[in-house]
Amino acid sequence: MNEIKIIKVTSEKNLSHCFHIRTIVFVEEQNVPMNEEIDGLDAEADHFLLYLGQIPVATARVRYLNDIAKIERVAVLKGNRGHKIGHQLMGFIMADIKKNPHIKLMKLGAQVPVIAFYEKLGFICHGDIFLDAGIRHRWMSLSCGLIKL
């Protein structure tokens, strides 16, 4: 079994790995237009990258809006889904967010087919289904006081 390593991105090289994974998952697989995927908000976000052995296979970004951490662009390469990769990435991200005492809430827009994945992590749905890049989503949130790591 390959070793899993998760990092908070600090180099342009690792950031390019994040963009590559997102392009494969969102643009190529899900037909999200490139101009919507690369939205100009990456510079204000923390980026995370999960390696399986030496291969980058998953990524996500977090933007901080006052006392809310907005988790976005969670992407796992197809051949690595269903192997707890996303769960491990999210656990790392949630632990990193919890280190910031000013953050009260984590929020994300979950694609409808993966709502159950986020519910297992403690997130709760609210609001109606909405379209983002033509894909059905629902808002989900989790109070930082409820995170069990």
N, C-alpha and C. Protein backbone atom coordinates (compact mmCIF):
# COMPACT_ATOMS: atom_id res chain seq x y z
N MET A 1 0.85 -1.19 0.00
CA MET A 1 0.00 0.00 0.00
C MET A 1 0.89 1.24 0.00
N ASN A 2 0.56 2.19 -0.86
CA ASN A 2 1.31 3.43 -0.93
C ASN A 2 1.02 4.33 0.26
N GLU A 3 2.02 5.03 0.70
CA GLU A 3 1.88 5.94 1.83
C GLU A 3 1.12 7.20 1.40
N ILE A 4 0.24 7.67 2.26
CA ILE A 4 -0.50 8.89 2.00
C ILE A 4 0.19 10.04 2.73
N LYS A 5 0.39 11.13 1.99
CA LYS A 5 0.96 12.34 2.58
C LYS A 5 0.08 13.50 2.13
N ILE A 6 -0.33 14.34 3.08
CA ILE A 6 -1.16 15.49 2.78
C ILE A 6 -0.40 16.74 3.20
N ILE A 7 -0.38 17.71 2.31
CA ILE A 7 0.35 18.95 2.60
C ILE A 7 -0.54 20.17 2.36
N LYS A 8 -0.19 21.23 3.07
CA LYS A 8 -0.73 22.55 2.76
C LYS A 8 0.24 23.13 1.73
N VAL A 9 -0.27 23.52 0.60
CA VAL A 9 0.57 23.91 -0.53
C VAL A 9 1.30 25.23 -0.26
N THR A 10 2.61 25.21 -0.51
CA THR A 10 3.42 26.41 -0.35
C THR A 10 4.28 26.72 -1.57
N SER A 11 4.25 25.85 -2.59
CA SER A 11 5.10 26.08 -3.76
C SER A 11 4.25 26.14 -5.04
N GLU A 12 4.79 26.83 -6.02
CA GLU A 12 4.11 26.91 -7.32
C GLU A 12 3.98 25.53 -7.96
N LYS A 13 4.99 24.69 -7.77
CA LYS A 13 4.95 23.33 -8.34
C LYS A 13 3.76 22.56 -7.78
N ASN A 14 3.59 22.59 -6.46
CA ASN A 14 2.46 21.87 -5.86
C ASN A 14 1.12 22.51 -6.23
N LEU A 15 1.10 23.83 -6.36
CA LEU A 15 -0.13 24.49 -6.79
C LEU A 15 -0.50 24.06 -8.21
N SER A 16 0.49 23.87 -9.06
CA SER A 16 0.21 23.40 -10.42
C SER A 16 -0.35 21.97 -10.40
N HIS A 17 0.07 21.15 -9.44
CA HIS A 17 -0.53 19.81 -9.29
C HIS A 17 -2.01 19.93 -8.92
N CYS A 18 -2.33 20.88 -8.03
CA CYS A 18 -3.74 21.12 -7.65
C CYS A 18 -4.56 21.48 -8.87
N PHE A 19 -4.06 22.42 -9.67
CA PHE A 19 -4.80 22.85 -10.86
C PHE A 19 -4.96 21.70 -11.86
N HIS A 20 -3.93 20.87 -11.97
CA HIS A 20 -3.99 19.73 -12.89
C HIS A 20 -5.10 18.76 -12.48
N ILE A 21 -5.16 18.43 -11.19
CA ILE A 21 -6.19 17.52 -10.68
C ILE A 21 -7.57 18.13 -10.90
N ARG A 22 -7.73 19.40 -10.57
CA ARG A 22 -9.01 20.07 -10.75
C ARG A 22 -9.43 20.10 -12.22
N THR A 23 -8.49 20.32 -13.11
CA THR A 23 -8.81 20.34 -14.55
C THR A 23 -9.31 18.97 -15.00
N ILE A 24 -8.64 17.91 -14.56
CA ILE A 24 -9.07 16.56 -14.94
C ILE A 24 -10.48 16.28 -14.41
N VAL A 25 -10.70 16.54 -13.12
CA VAL A 25 -11.97 16.18 -12.48
C VAL A 25 -13.10 17.09 -12.93
N PHE A 26 -12.92 18.38 -12.85
CA PHE A 26 -14.03 19.29 -13.12
C PHE A 26 -14.20 19.63 -14.60
N VAL A 27 -13.12 19.96 -15.28
CA VAL A 27 -13.23 20.39 -16.68
C VAL A 27 -13.41 19.19 -17.61
N GLU A 28 -12.53 18.20 -17.50
CA GLU A 28 -12.58 17.06 -18.42
C GLU A 28 -13.72 16.09 -18.09
N GLU A 29 -13.87 15.71 -16.82
CA GLU A 29 -14.90 14.72 -16.45
C GLU A 29 -16.29 15.33 -16.35
N GLN A 30 -16.39 16.52 -15.76
CA GLN A 30 -17.71 17.09 -15.45
C GLN A 30 -18.10 18.23 -16.37
N ASN A 31 -17.27 18.53 -17.35
CA ASN A 31 -17.56 19.56 -18.36
C ASN A 31 -17.79 20.96 -17.80
N VAL A 32 -17.12 21.28 -16.70
CA VAL A 32 -17.17 22.64 -16.18
C VAL A 32 -16.28 23.50 -17.08
N PRO A 33 -16.79 24.64 -17.56
CA PRO A 33 -15.95 25.50 -18.39
C PRO A 33 -14.70 25.95 -17.63
N MET A 34 -13.58 25.98 -18.31
CA MET A 34 -12.30 26.34 -17.68
C MET A 34 -12.39 27.71 -17.01
N ASN A 35 -13.08 28.66 -17.62
CA ASN A 35 -13.16 30.00 -17.03
C ASN A 35 -13.99 30.02 -15.75
N GLU A 36 -14.83 29.01 -15.52
CA GLU A 36 -15.55 28.90 -14.25
C GLU A 36 -14.71 28.16 -13.21
N GLU A 37 -13.93 27.18 -13.66
CA GLU A 37 -13.09 26.42 -12.73
C GLU A 37 -11.97 27.29 -12.18
N ILE A 38 -11.28 27.97 -13.04
CA ILE A 38 -10.22 28.89 -12.62
C ILE A 38 -10.89 30.26 -12.50
N ASP A 39 -11.34 30.57 -11.28
CA ASP A 39 -12.27 31.68 -11.05
C ASP A 39 -11.62 32.95 -10.52
N GLY A 40 -10.30 32.98 -10.43
CA GLY A 40 -9.63 34.18 -9.94
C GLY A 40 -9.55 34.27 -8.43
N LEU A 41 -10.05 33.25 -7.72
CA LEU A 41 -10.06 33.29 -6.25
C LEU A 41 -8.96 32.43 -5.61
N ASP A 42 -8.16 31.78 -6.44
CA ASP A 42 -7.14 30.86 -5.89
C ASP A 42 -6.07 31.58 -5.08
N ALA A 43 -5.75 32.81 -5.44
CA ALA A 43 -4.70 33.54 -4.72
C ALA A 43 -5.08 33.82 -3.27
N GLU A 44 -6.39 33.89 -2.98
CA GLU A 44 -6.83 34.19 -1.61
C GLU A 44 -7.17 32.93 -0.81
N ALA A 45 -6.81 31.76 -1.34
CA ALA A 45 -7.18 30.49 -0.70
C ALA A 45 -5.96 29.73 -0.21
N ASP A 46 -6.20 28.89 0.81
CA ASP A 46 -5.22 27.87 1.18
C ASP A 46 -5.51 26.65 0.32
N HIS A 47 -4.48 26.03 -0.20
CA HIS A 47 -4.64 24.85 -1.04
C HIS A 47 -4.03 23.65 -0.34
N PHE A 48 -4.65 22.49 -0.54
CA PHE A 48 -4.20 21.24 0.06
C PHE A 48 -4.02 20.21 -1.03
N LEU A 49 -3.03 19.34 -0.85
CA LEU A 49 -2.71 18.34 -1.86
C LEU A 49 -2.41 17.01 -1.17
N LEU A 50 -3.04 15.96 -1.65
CA LEU A 50 -2.83 14.62 -1.09
C LEU A 50 -2.03 13.81 -2.10
N TYR A 51 -0.94 13.24 -1.60
CA TYR A 51 -0.08 12.35 -2.40
C TYR A 51 -0.33 10.91 -1.99
N LEU A 52 -0.41 10.04 -2.96
CA LEU A 52 -0.43 8.61 -2.74
C LEU A 52 0.92 8.12 -3.26
N GLY A 53 1.81 7.79 -2.32
CA GLY A 53 3.20 7.55 -2.70
C GLY A 53 3.77 8.88 -3.18
N GLN A 54 4.29 8.91 -4.40
CA GLN A 54 4.85 10.13 -4.98
C GLN A 54 3.88 10.85 -5.92
N ILE A 55 2.66 10.31 -6.05
CA ILE A 55 1.70 10.81 -7.04
C ILE A 55 0.64 11.69 -6.39
N PRO A 56 0.47 12.94 -6.86
CA PRO A 56 -0.62 13.77 -6.34
C PRO A 56 -1.95 13.28 -6.91
N VAL A 57 -2.92 12.97 -6.02
CA VAL A 57 -4.19 12.39 -6.47
C VAL A 57 -5.44 13.12 -5.99
N ALA A 58 -5.30 14.08 -5.07
CA ALA A 58 -6.48 14.78 -4.56
C ALA A 58 -6.09 16.18 -4.10
N THR A 59 -7.06 17.08 -4.16
CA THR A 59 -6.81 18.46 -3.78
C THR A 59 -8.09 19.12 -3.28
N ALA A 60 -7.94 20.25 -2.63
CA ALA A 60 -9.06 21.11 -2.23
C ALA A 60 -8.48 22.47 -1.88
N ARG A 61 -9.36 23.45 -1.82
CA ARG A 61 -8.93 24.77 -1.36
C ARG A 61 -9.90 25.25 -0.28
N VAL A 62 -9.41 26.18 0.54
CA VAL A 62 -10.23 26.77 1.60
C VAL A 62 -10.05 28.29 1.52
N ARG A 63 -11.18 28.97 1.48
CA ARG A 63 -11.17 30.43 1.56
C ARG A 63 -11.81 30.84 2.88
N TYR A 64 -11.27 31.90 3.47
CA TYR A 64 -11.75 32.37 4.77
C TYR A 64 -12.53 33.66 4.57
N LEU A 65 -13.80 33.61 4.97
CA LEU A 65 -14.69 34.75 4.83
C LEU A 65 -15.19 35.12 6.23
N ASN A 66 -14.54 36.11 6.84
CA ASN A 66 -14.82 36.50 8.22
C ASN A 66 -14.61 35.29 9.14
N ASP A 67 -15.67 34.77 9.79
CA ASP A 67 -15.50 33.64 10.71
C ASP A 67 -15.94 32.31 10.08
N ILE A 68 -15.97 32.28 8.74
CA ILE A 68 -16.38 31.07 8.01
C ILE A 68 -15.22 30.57 7.15
N ALA A 69 -14.99 29.26 7.21
CA ALA A 69 -14.04 28.61 6.30
C ALA A 69 -14.86 27.94 5.21
N LYS A 70 -14.68 28.37 3.98
CA LYS A 70 -15.44 27.82 2.86
C LYS A 70 -14.54 26.83 2.12
N ILE A 71 -14.91 25.56 2.20
CA ILE A 71 -14.14 24.49 1.56
C ILE A 71 -14.64 24.35 0.13
N GLU A 72 -13.72 24.39 -0.81
CA GLU A 72 -14.09 24.39 -2.22
C GLU A 72 -13.16 23.50 -3.04
N ARG A 73 -13.62 23.18 -4.22
CA ARG A 73 -12.81 22.48 -5.23
C ARG A 73 -12.20 21.17 -4.72
N VAL A 74 -12.99 20.44 -3.95
CA VAL A 74 -12.54 19.13 -3.46
C VAL A 74 -12.57 18.17 -4.65
N ALA A 75 -11.41 17.62 -5.00
CA ALA A 75 -11.31 16.76 -6.18
C ALA A 75 -10.37 15.59 -5.92
N VAL A 76 -10.84 14.40 -6.26
CA VAL A 76 -10.04 13.18 -6.15
C VAL A 76 -10.02 12.54 -7.53
N LEU A 77 -8.83 12.19 -8.02
CA LEU A 77 -8.75 11.55 -9.34
C LEU A 77 -9.52 10.24 -9.34
N LYS A 78 -10.17 9.95 -10.46
CA LYS A 78 -11.13 8.86 -10.59
C LYS A 78 -10.63 7.52 -10.04
N GLY A 79 -9.46 7.09 -10.38
CA GLY A 79 -8.96 5.79 -9.94
C GLY A 79 -8.72 5.68 -8.45
N ASN A 80 -8.82 6.79 -7.74
CA ASN A 80 -8.54 6.81 -6.30
C ASN A 80 -9.77 7.04 -5.45
N ARG A 81 -10.92 7.15 -6.07
CA ARG A 81 -12.17 7.36 -5.34
C ARG A 81 -12.61 6.05 -4.70
N GLY A 82 -13.28 6.17 -3.56
CA GLY A 82 -13.77 4.98 -2.89
C GLY A 82 -12.73 4.28 -2.03
N HIS A 83 -11.59 4.92 -1.85
CA HIS A 83 -10.51 4.32 -1.04
C HIS A 83 -10.18 5.18 0.17
N LYS A 84 -11.14 5.97 0.64
CA LYS A 84 -10.98 6.83 1.83
C LYS A 84 -10.02 7.99 1.60
N ILE A 85 -9.62 8.22 0.36
CA ILE A 85 -8.71 9.33 0.05
C ILE A 85 -9.38 10.66 0.38
N GLY A 86 -10.61 10.84 -0.10
CA GLY A 86 -11.34 12.08 0.17
C GLY A 86 -11.57 12.29 1.66
N HIS A 87 -11.86 11.20 2.36
CA HIS A 87 -12.09 11.28 3.81
C HIS A 87 -10.82 11.75 4.52
N GLN A 88 -9.69 11.20 4.13
CA GLN A 88 -8.43 11.60 4.76
C GLN A 88 -8.08 13.05 4.44
N LEU A 89 -8.30 13.45 3.19
CA LEU A 89 -8.04 14.84 2.81
C LEU A 89 -8.92 15.79 3.62
N MET A 90 -10.21 15.48 3.71
CA MET A 90 -11.13 16.34 4.45
C MET A 90 -10.78 16.37 5.94
N GLY A 91 -10.38 15.24 6.51
CA GLY A 91 -9.98 15.22 7.92
C GLY A 91 -8.79 16.13 8.18
N PHE A 92 -7.84 16.12 7.27
CA PHE A 92 -6.65 16.98 7.39
C PHE A 92 -7.07 18.45 7.31
N ILE A 93 -7.92 18.77 6.34
CA ILE A 93 -8.38 20.15 6.15
C ILE A 93 -9.17 20.62 7.36
N MET A 94 -10.08 19.79 7.84
CA MET A 94 -10.90 20.17 9.00
C MET A 94 -10.03 20.39 10.24
N ALA A 95 -9.02 19.57 10.43
CA ALA A 95 -8.10 19.75 11.56
C ALA A 95 -7.33 21.06 11.41
N ASP A 96 -6.94 21.40 10.19
CA ASP A 96 -6.22 22.65 9.95
C ASP A 96 -7.13 23.84 10.23
N ILE A 97 -8.37 23.78 9.79
CA ILE A 97 -9.33 24.86 10.05
C ILE A 97 -9.55 25.03 11.54
N LYS A 98 -9.66 23.92 12.24
CA LYS A 98 -9.96 23.97 13.69
C LYS A 98 -8.83 24.65 14.48
N LYS A 99 -7.63 24.72 13.93
CA LYS A 99 -6.51 25.39 14.60
C LYS A 99 -6.74 26.90 14.71
N ASN A 100 -7.61 27.44 13.87
CA ASN A 100 -7.87 28.88 13.86
C ASN A 100 -9.05 29.17 14.79
N PRO A 101 -8.82 29.78 15.95
CA PRO A 101 -9.89 29.99 16.93
C PRO A 101 -10.96 30.98 16.47
N HIS A 102 -10.68 31.76 15.42
CA HIS A 102 -11.64 32.75 14.93
C HIS A 102 -12.70 32.14 14.02
N ILE A 103 -12.44 30.93 13.51
CA ILE A 103 -13.37 30.30 12.58
C ILE A 103 -14.45 29.56 13.37
N LYS A 104 -15.69 29.91 13.12
CA LYS A 104 -16.82 29.32 13.83
C LYS A 104 -17.55 28.26 13.01
N LEU A 105 -17.47 28.37 11.67
CA LEU A 105 -18.28 27.52 10.81
C LEU A 105 -17.51 27.12 9.56
N MET A 106 -17.69 25.87 9.15
CA MET A 106 -17.20 25.40 7.86
C MET A 106 -18.40 25.25 6.94
N LYS A 107 -18.23 25.66 5.69
CA LYS A 107 -19.32 25.66 4.74
C LYS A 107 -18.80 25.12 3.41
N LEU A 108 -19.66 24.44 2.67
CA LEU A 108 -19.29 23.99 1.33
C LEU A 108 -20.55 23.80 0.49
N GLY A 109 -20.37 23.88 -0.81
CA GLY A 109 -21.44 23.56 -1.75
C GLY A 109 -21.17 22.17 -2.27
N ALA A 110 -21.94 21.20 -1.82
CA ALA A 110 -21.71 19.79 -2.19
C ALA A 110 -22.49 19.42 -3.44
N GLN A 111 -21.83 18.75 -4.36
CA GLN A 111 -22.56 18.18 -5.48
C GLN A 111 -23.53 17.14 -4.91
N VAL A 112 -24.75 17.13 -5.41
CA VAL A 112 -25.80 16.27 -4.86
C VAL A 112 -25.37 14.81 -4.72
N PRO A 113 -24.70 14.21 -5.71
CA PRO A 113 -24.33 12.79 -5.56
C PRO A 113 -23.38 12.47 -4.41
N VAL A 114 -22.68 13.48 -3.88
CA VAL A 114 -21.72 13.21 -2.80
C VAL A 114 -22.13 13.81 -1.46
N ILE A 115 -23.39 14.19 -1.33
CA ILE A 115 -23.87 14.73 -0.05
C ILE A 115 -23.64 13.74 1.08
N ALA A 116 -23.91 12.45 0.86
CA ALA A 116 -23.73 11.44 1.92
C ALA A 116 -22.28 11.40 2.42
N PHE A 117 -21.33 11.61 1.52
CA PHE A 117 -19.91 11.65 1.92
C PHE A 117 -19.69 12.74 2.97
N TYR A 118 -20.20 13.92 2.71
CA TYR A 118 -20.02 15.03 3.64
C TYR A 118 -20.85 14.85 4.91
N GLU A 119 -22.02 14.22 4.79
CA GLU A 119 -22.82 13.94 5.99
C GLU A 119 -22.06 13.03 6.95
N LYS A 120 -21.30 12.07 6.42
CA LYS A 120 -20.51 11.18 7.28
C LYS A 120 -19.44 11.95 8.05
N LEU A 121 -19.04 13.10 7.53
CA LEU A 121 -18.04 13.95 8.19
C LEU A 121 -18.70 14.92 9.18
N GLY A 122 -20.05 14.92 9.23
CA GLY A 122 -20.77 15.76 10.17
C GLY A 122 -21.46 16.97 9.57
N PHE A 123 -21.27 17.20 8.27
CA PHE A 123 -21.91 18.35 7.63
C PHE A 123 -23.41 18.12 7.50
N ILE A 124 -24.18 19.23 7.57
CA ILE A 124 -25.63 19.18 7.49
C ILE A 124 -26.08 20.04 6.31
N CYS A 125 -27.02 19.51 5.51
CA CYS A 125 -27.57 20.23 4.36
C CYS A 125 -28.51 21.34 4.83
N HIS A 126 -28.54 22.41 4.07
CA HIS A 126 -29.55 23.44 4.27
C HIS A 126 -29.79 24.15 2.94
N GLY A 127 -30.98 24.68 2.81
CA GLY A 127 -31.34 25.38 1.58
C GLY A 127 -31.73 24.42 0.47
N ASP A 128 -32.15 25.02 -0.62
CA ASP A 128 -32.59 24.26 -1.79
C ASP A 128 -31.41 23.87 -2.66
N ILE A 129 -31.66 22.94 -3.55
CA ILE A 129 -30.67 22.57 -4.56
C ILE A 129 -30.47 23.77 -5.49
N PHE A 130 -29.22 24.02 -5.85
CA PHE A 130 -28.90 25.11 -6.79
C PHE A 130 -27.91 24.59 -7.82
N LEU A 131 -27.83 25.29 -8.94
CA LEU A 131 -26.89 24.92 -9.99
C LEU A 131 -25.62 25.75 -9.87
N ASP A 132 -24.48 25.08 -9.95
CA ASP A 132 -23.18 25.73 -10.03
C ASP A 132 -22.47 25.06 -11.19
N ALA A 133 -22.12 25.83 -12.20
CA ALA A 133 -21.49 25.29 -13.42
C ALA A 133 -22.35 24.19 -14.03
N GLY A 134 -23.68 24.32 -13.91
CA GLY A 134 -24.60 23.36 -14.49
C GLY A 134 -24.74 22.08 -13.69
N ILE A 135 -24.14 22.01 -12.49
CA ILE A 135 -24.16 20.82 -11.65
C ILE A 135 -24.99 21.11 -10.41
N ARG A 136 -25.87 20.17 -10.04
CA ARG A 136 -26.74 20.33 -8.87
C ARG A 136 -25.93 20.24 -7.58
N HIS A 137 -26.12 21.22 -6.70
CA HIS A 137 -25.42 21.34 -5.43
C HIS A 137 -26.41 21.67 -4.32
N ARG A 138 -25.97 21.44 -3.08
CA ARG A 138 -26.66 21.94 -1.88
C ARG A 138 -25.63 22.50 -0.93
N TRP A 139 -26.01 23.56 -0.23
CA TRP A 139 -25.13 24.10 0.80
C TRP A 139 -25.11 23.15 1.98
N MET A 140 -23.93 22.99 2.56
CA MET A 140 -23.76 22.18 3.76
C MET A 140 -22.85 22.96 4.71
N SER A 141 -23.04 22.73 6.01
CA SER A 141 -22.20 23.42 6.98
C SER A 141 -21.97 22.54 8.20
N LEU A 142 -20.95 22.91 8.95
CA LEU A 142 -20.60 22.22 10.19
C LEU A 142 -19.96 23.24 11.12
N SER A 143 -20.51 23.34 12.33
CA SER A 143 -19.95 24.22 13.34
C SER A 143 -18.59 23.68 13.77
N CYS A 144 -17.60 24.55 13.87
CA CYS A 144 -16.27 24.10 14.28
C CYS A 144 -16.28 23.48 15.68
N GLY A 145 -17.24 23.86 16.51
CA GLY A 145 -17.36 23.27 17.83
C GLY A 145 -17.84 21.82 17.81
N LEU A 146 -18.36 21.39 16.64
CA LEU A 146 -18.88 20.02 16.52
C LEU A 146 -17.91 19.06 15.86
N ILE A 147 -16.75 19.56 15.44
CA ILE A 147 -15.78 18.70 14.75
C ILE A 147 -15.23 17.69 15.74
N LYS A 148 -15.30 16.42 15.35
CA LYS A 148 -14.72 15.34 16.16
C LYS A 148 -13.59 14.73 15.35
N LEU A 149 -12.37 14.98 15.75
CA LEU A 149 -11.22 14.45 15.00
C LEU A 149 -10.53 13.37 15.79
